[in-house]
Amino acid sequence: MLFAFACLGLLGAGEPRPIDSRVTRVHVSKSARTMELFAGGSVVATYAVAVGKGGAGPKKMEGDLVTPIGRYHVVKHLPSHLRIFMQIDYPNADDRARFEELKRRGALPKNATIGGDIGIHGEPPEAKPFKKAEYQSHGCVVLEDAEIDQVARMVPDGTTVEIED
């Protein structure tokens, strides 16, 4: 599933301020529809984002349109029809355990799958003109194309991504 994020803009200026070190942590708030980039303990950029139309709470299964919550890492930056796709390591061990428990309890269909392909990316071509304040993704975090270009330059593979409601 893909996540859609939109940019509210950076705090202060329209461009990220120069930083001495690369981004070490990304924090996404689904309810506030924001993404903050941290270098050490300092916020170096803040963006408005779009998230999955499936709403609050953890992702339960493939196709639920929910942006997962938890602690992840950027696995790799990939060229994409979505401009740049920064893949995260969903599902993690916590997601797998929750999924298996829901299946065991009968809360999910027997044929349900956990899903994958979650990341941070640019504008979907089918959503042009892109209006991030209105856009809801299939589960990914989505930014405007100019924003994902900035973020991809600042966020290296391996960076922690924390997503919360």
C-alpha atoms as a PDB file:
ATOM      1  CA  MET A   1       0.000   0.000   0.000  1.00  0.00           C
ATOM      2  CA  LEU A   2       1.214   3.505  -0.618  1.00  0.00           C
ATOM      3  CA  PHE A   3       0.936   6.481   1.724  1.00  0.00           C
ATOM      4  CA  ALA A   4       0.065   9.936   0.601  1.00  0.00           C
ATOM      5  CA  PHE A   5       1.568  12.945   2.274  1.00  0.00           C
ATOM      6  CA  ALA A   6       1.133  16.613   1.555  1.00  0.00           C
ATOM      7  CA  CYS A   7       3.373  19.499   2.517  1.00  0.00           C
ATOM      8  CA  LEU A   8       2.277  22.303   4.800  1.00  0.00           C
ATOM      9  CA  GLY A   9       5.593  23.823   4.090  1.00  0.00           C
ATOM     10  CA  LEU A  10       8.669  24.072   6.166  1.00  0.00           C
ATOM     11  CA  LEU A  11       8.735  25.938   9.414  1.00  0.00           C
ATOM     12  CA  GLY A  12      10.032  29.402   8.735  1.00  0.00           C
ATOM     13  CA  ALA A  13      11.406  29.611   5.214  1.00  0.00           C
ATOM     14  CA  GLY A  14      10.203  27.752   2.154  1.00  0.00           C
ATOM     15  CA  GLU A  15      13.400  25.689   2.000  1.00  0.00           C
ATOM     16  CA  PRO A  16      14.934  23.499   4.691  1.00  0.00           C
ATOM     17  CA  ARG A  17      17.623  25.282   6.629  1.00  0.00           C
ATOM     18  CA  PRO A  18      21.136  23.928   6.158  1.00  0.00           C
ATOM     19  CA  ILE A  19      21.958  21.179   8.595  1.00  0.00           C
ATOM     20  CA  ASP A  20      25.320  19.887   9.764  1.00  0.00           C
ATOM     21  CA  SER A  21      24.228  16.282   9.783  1.00  0.00           C
ATOM     22  CA  ARG A  22      21.762  14.162   7.895  1.00  0.00           C
ATOM     23  CA  VAL A  23      18.278  13.501   9.157  1.00  0.00           C
ATOM     24  CA  THR A  24      18.375  10.830  11.856  1.00  0.00           C
ATOM     25  CA  ARG A  25      14.632  10.395  12.495  1.00  0.00           C
ATOM     26  CA  VAL A  26      11.331  11.007  10.739  1.00  0.00           C
ATOM     27  CA  HIS A  27       8.170  11.462  12.807  1.00  0.00           C
ATOM     28  CA  VAL A  28       4.723  11.222  11.197  1.00  0.00           C
ATOM     29  CA  SER A  29       1.498  12.178  12.981  1.00  0.00           C
ATOM     30  CA  LYS A  30      -1.481  10.717  11.126  1.00  0.00           C
ATOM     31  CA  SER A  31      -4.052  12.840  13.005  1.00  0.00           C
ATOM     32  CA  ALA A  32      -2.148  16.100  12.499  1.00  0.00           C
ATOM     33  CA  ARG A  33      -1.151  15.069   8.944  1.00  0.00           C
ATOM     34  CA  THR A  34       2.404  16.255   9.547  1.00  0.00           C
ATOM     35  CA  MET A  35       5.887  14.884   9.073  1.00  0.00           C
ATOM     36  CA  GLU A  36       8.852  16.226  11.018  1.00  0.00           C
ATOM     37  CA  LEU A  37      12.470  15.563  10.101  1.00  0.00           C
ATOM     38  CA  PHE A  38      14.991  15.478  12.959  1.00  0.00           C
ATOM     39  CA  ALA A  39      18.770  15.771  12.969  1.00  0.00           C
ATOM     40  CA  GLY A  40      19.684  14.619  16.447  1.00  0.00           C
ATOM     41  CA  GLY A  41      17.160  16.285  18.758  1.00  0.00           C
ATOM     42  CA  SER A  42      16.422  19.246  16.465  1.00  0.00           C
ATOM     43  CA  VAL A  43      13.526  19.551  14.041  1.00  0.00           C
ATOM     44  CA  VAL A  44      15.030  20.626  10.715  1.00  0.00           C
ATOM     45  CA  ALA A  45      11.891  20.532   8.545  1.00  0.00           C
ATOM     46  CA  THR A  46       8.145  20.067   8.892  1.00  0.00           C
ATOM     47  CA  TYR A  47       5.757  19.110   6.102  1.00  0.00           C
ATOM     48  CA  ALA A  48       2.006  18.720   5.856  1.00  0.00           C
ATOM     49  CA  VAL A  49       1.193  15.226   4.618  1.00  0.00           C
ATOM     50  CA  ALA A  50      -1.620  13.030   3.390  1.00  0.00           C
ATOM     51  CA  VAL A  51      -2.104   9.578   4.883  1.00  0.00           C
ATOM     52  CA  GLY A  52      -4.235   6.519   4.261  1.00  0.00           C
ATOM     53  CA  LYS A  53      -7.978   6.893   3.940  1.00  0.00           C
ATOM     54  CA  GLY A  54      -8.435   3.870   6.243  1.00  0.00           C
ATOM     55  CA  GLY A  55      -8.188   6.099   9.333  1.00  0.00           C
ATOM     56  CA  ALA A  56      -6.673   5.768  12.774  1.00  0.00           C
ATOM     57  CA  GLY A  57      -5.147   2.735  14.398  1.00  0.00           C
ATOM     58  CA  PRO A  58      -2.690   0.119  13.214  1.00  0.00           C
ATOM     59  CA  LYS A  59      -2.778  -1.421   9.761  1.00  0.00           C
ATOM     60  CA  LYS A  60      -4.513  -4.788  10.061  1.00  0.00           C
ATOM     61  CA  MET A  61      -4.211  -6.274   6.577  1.00  0.00           C
ATOM     62  CA  GLU A  62      -3.534  -5.606   2.928  1.00  0.00           C
ATOM     63  CA  GLY A  63      -6.222  -3.472   1.339  1.00  0.00           C
ATOM     64  CA  ASP A  64      -7.507  -1.790   4.521  1.00  0.00           C
ATOM     65  CA  LEU A  65      -6.126   1.578   3.286  1.00  0.00           C
ATOM     66  CA  VAL A  66      -4.601   2.292   6.709  1.00  0.00           C
ATOM     67  CA  THR A  67      -1.218   3.910   7.183  1.00  0.00           C
ATOM     68  CA  PRO A  68       0.567   1.644   9.671  1.00  0.00           C
ATOM     69  CA  ILE A  69       1.643   2.910  13.073  1.00  0.00           C
ATOM     70  CA  GLY A  70       4.892   1.909  14.695  1.00  0.00           C
ATOM     71  CA  ARG A  71       8.639   2.203  14.348  1.00  0.00           C
ATOM     72  CA  TYR A  72      10.085   1.501  10.921  1.00  0.00           C
ATOM     73  CA  HIS A  73      13.176   2.288   8.872  1.00  0.00           C
ATOM     74  CA  VAL A  74      13.756   3.575   5.360  1.00  0.00           C
ATOM     75  CA  VAL A  75      14.874   0.515   3.427  1.00  0.00           C
ATOM     76  CA  LYS A  76      15.700   2.119   0.091  1.00  0.00           C
ATOM     77  CA  HIS A  77      15.028   5.025  -2.249  1.00  0.00           C
ATOM     78  CA  LEU A  78      13.524   3.878  -5.530  1.00  0.00           C
ATOM     79  CA  PRO A  79      12.714   5.763  -8.729  1.00  0.00           C
ATOM     80  CA  SER A  80       8.990   5.473  -9.290  1.00  0.00           C
ATOM     81  CA  HIS A  81       5.972   6.726 -11.195  1.00  0.00           C
ATOM     82  CA  LEU A  82       5.360   8.388  -7.808  1.00  0.00           C
ATOM     83  CA  ARG A  83       8.554  10.437  -8.372  1.00  0.00           C
ATOM     84  CA  ILE A  84      10.598   8.854  -5.569  1.00  0.00           C
ATOM     85  CA  PHE A  85       9.449   5.967  -3.381  1.00  0.00           C
ATOM     86  CA  MET A  86      11.217   5.717  -0.013  1.00  0.00           C
ATOM     87  CA  GLN A  87      10.269   2.192   1.017  1.00  0.00           C
ATOM     88  CA  ILE A  88       9.875   1.447   4.731  1.00  0.00           C
ATOM     89  CA  ASP A  89      10.192  -1.960   6.378  1.00  0.00           C
ATOM     90  CA  TYR A  90       6.485  -2.592   6.948  1.00  0.00           C
ATOM     91  CA  PRO A  91       5.542  -5.180   8.091  1.00  0.00           C
ATOM     92  CA  ASN A  92       7.854  -5.381  11.090  1.00  0.00           C
ATOM     93  CA  ALA A  93       7.797  -8.023  13.854  1.00  0.00           C
ATOM     94  CA  ASP A  94       5.076  -6.165  15.816  1.00  0.00           C
ATOM     95  CA  ASP A  95       2.889  -5.924  12.705  1.00  0.00           C
ATOM     96  CA  ARG A  96       3.335  -9.636  11.966  1.00  0.00           C
ATOM     97  CA  ALA A  97       2.464 -10.609  15.560  1.00  0.00           C
ATOM     98  CA  ARG A  98      -0.671  -8.403  15.539  1.00  0.00           C
ATOM     99  CA  PHE A  99      -1.726  -9.820  12.149  1.00  0.00           C
ATOM    100  CA  GLU A 100      -1.278 -13.425  13.293  1.00  0.00           C
ATOM    101  CA  GLU A 101      -3.229 -12.751  16.505  1.00  0.00           C
ATOM    102  CA  LEU A 102      -6.107 -11.145  14.578  1.00  0.00           C
ATOM    103  CA  LYS A 103      -6.208 -14.142  12.224  1.00  0.00           C
ATOM    104  CA  ARG A 104      -6.065 -16.581  15.168  1.00  0.00           C
ATOM    105  CA  ARG A 105      -9.030 -14.816  16.822  1.00  0.00           C
ATOM    106  CA  GLY A 106     -11.005 -14.837  13.574  1.00  0.00           C
ATOM    107  CA  ALA A 107     -11.003 -11.021  13.377  1.00  0.00           C
ATOM    108  CA  LEU A 108      -9.600 -11.198   9.827  1.00  0.00           C
ATOM    109  CA  PRO A 109     -10.668 -13.339   6.899  1.00  0.00           C
ATOM    110  CA  LYS A 110      -8.779 -16.615   6.535  1.00  0.00           C
ATOM    111  CA  ASN A 111      -7.425 -15.498   3.158  1.00  0.00           C
ATOM    112  CA  ALA A 112      -6.231 -12.091   4.449  1.00  0.00           C
ATOM    113  CA  THR A 113      -2.637 -11.082   3.743  1.00  0.00           C
ATOM    114  CA  ILE A 114      -0.554  -8.587   5.702  1.00  0.00           C
ATOM    115  CA  GLY A 115       0.487  -6.438   2.736  1.00  0.00           C
ATOM    116  CA  GLY A 116       3.596  -4.386   2.134  1.00  0.00           C
ATOM    117  CA  ASP A 117       4.903  -1.749  -0.263  1.00  0.00           C
ATOM    118  CA  ILE A 118       4.448   1.064   2.250  1.00  0.00           C
ATOM    119  CA  GLY A 119       6.559   4.150   1.892  1.00  0.00           C
ATOM    120  CA  ILE A 120       6.927   7.892   1.567  1.00  0.00           C
ATOM    121  CA  HIS A 121       6.488   9.155  -1.982  1.00  0.00           C
ATOM    122  CA  GLY A 122       5.538  11.939  -4.351  1.00  0.00           C
ATOM    123  CA  GLU A 123       2.309  12.825  -6.105  1.00  0.00           C
ATOM    124  CA  PRO A 124       0.270  10.021  -7.684  1.00  0.00           C
ATOM    125  CA  PRO A 125      -0.152  10.708 -11.420  1.00  0.00           C
ATOM    126  CA  GLU A 126      -3.865   9.871 -11.246  1.00  0.00           C
ATOM    127  CA  ALA A 127      -4.379  12.646  -8.657  1.00  0.00           C
ATOM    128  CA  LYS A 128      -3.368  15.583 -10.882  1.00  0.00           C
ATOM    129  CA  PRO A 129      -3.784  18.364 -10.115  1.00  0.00           C
ATOM    130  CA  PHE A 130      -2.531  17.172  -6.734  1.00  0.00           C
ATOM    131  CA  LYS A 131      -4.300  18.688  -3.721  1.00  0.00           C
ATOM    132  CA  LYS A 132      -2.608  17.146  -0.721  1.00  0.00           C
ATOM    133  CA  ALA A 133      -4.992  18.711   1.798  1.00  0.00           C
ATOM    134  CA  GLU A 134      -7.767  16.623   0.222  1.00  0.00           C
ATOM    135  CA  TYR A 135      -5.813  13.554  -0.853  1.00  0.00           C
ATOM    136  CA  GLN A 136      -6.022  10.243   1.020  1.00  0.00           C
ATOM    137  CA  SER A 137      -3.632   7.455   0.119  1.00  0.00           C
ATOM    138  CA  HIS A 138      -3.886   3.690   0.085  1.00  0.00           C
ATOM    139  CA  GLY A 139      -1.655   3.627   3.175  1.00  0.00           C
ATOM    140  CA  CYS A 140       1.538   5.445   2.200  1.00  0.00           C
ATOM    141  CA  VAL A 141       2.796   8.869   3.222  1.00  0.00           C
ATOM    142  CA  VAL A 142       2.607  11.275   0.256  1.00  0.00           C
ATOM    143  CA  LEU A 143       4.303  14.606  -0.373  1.00  0.00           C
ATOM    144  CA  GLU A 144       4.250  17.006  -3.282  1.00  0.00           C
ATOM    145  CA  ASP A 145       6.903  16.195  -5.880  1.00  0.00           C
ATOM    146  CA  ALA A 146       9.149  19.140  -4.915  1.00  0.00           C
ATOM    147  CA  GLU A 147       8.904  18.066  -1.277  1.00  0.00           C
ATOM    148  CA  ILE A 148       9.797  14.417  -1.867  1.00  0.00           C
ATOM    149  CA  ASP A 149      12.829  15.656  -3.816  1.00  0.00           C
ATOM    150  CA  GLN A 150      13.945  17.618  -0.705  1.00  0.00           C
ATOM    151  CA  VAL A 151      13.127  14.841   1.749  1.00  0.00           C
ATOM    152  CA  ALA A 152      14.858  12.144  -0.307  1.00  0.00           C
ATOM    153  CA  ARG A 153      18.069  14.211  -0.329  1.00  0.00           C
ATOM    154  CA  MET A 154      17.971  14.699   3.461  1.00  0.00           C
ATOM    155  CA  VAL A 155      16.826  11.240   4.629  1.00  0.00           C
ATOM    156  CA  PRO A 156      19.317   8.401   4.096  1.00  0.00           C
ATOM    157  CA  ASP A 157      18.481   4.707   3.952  1.00  0.00           C
ATOM    158  CA  GLY A 158      18.335   3.246   7.452  1.00  0.00           C
ATOM    159  CA  THR A 159      16.687   6.323   8.988  1.00  0.00           C
ATOM    160  CA  THR A 160      14.085   5.584  11.687  1.00  0.00           C
ATOM    161  CA  VAL A 161      10.493   6.440  10.735  1.00  0.00           C
ATOM    162  CA  GLU A 162       8.028   6.691  13.629  1.00  0.00           C
ATOM    163  CA  ILE A 163       4.361   6.777  12.654  1.00  0.00           C
ATOM    164  CA  GLU A 164       1.691   7.472  15.257  1.00  0.00           C
ATOM    165  CA  ASP A 165      -1.993   8.244  15.253  1.00  0.00           C
END
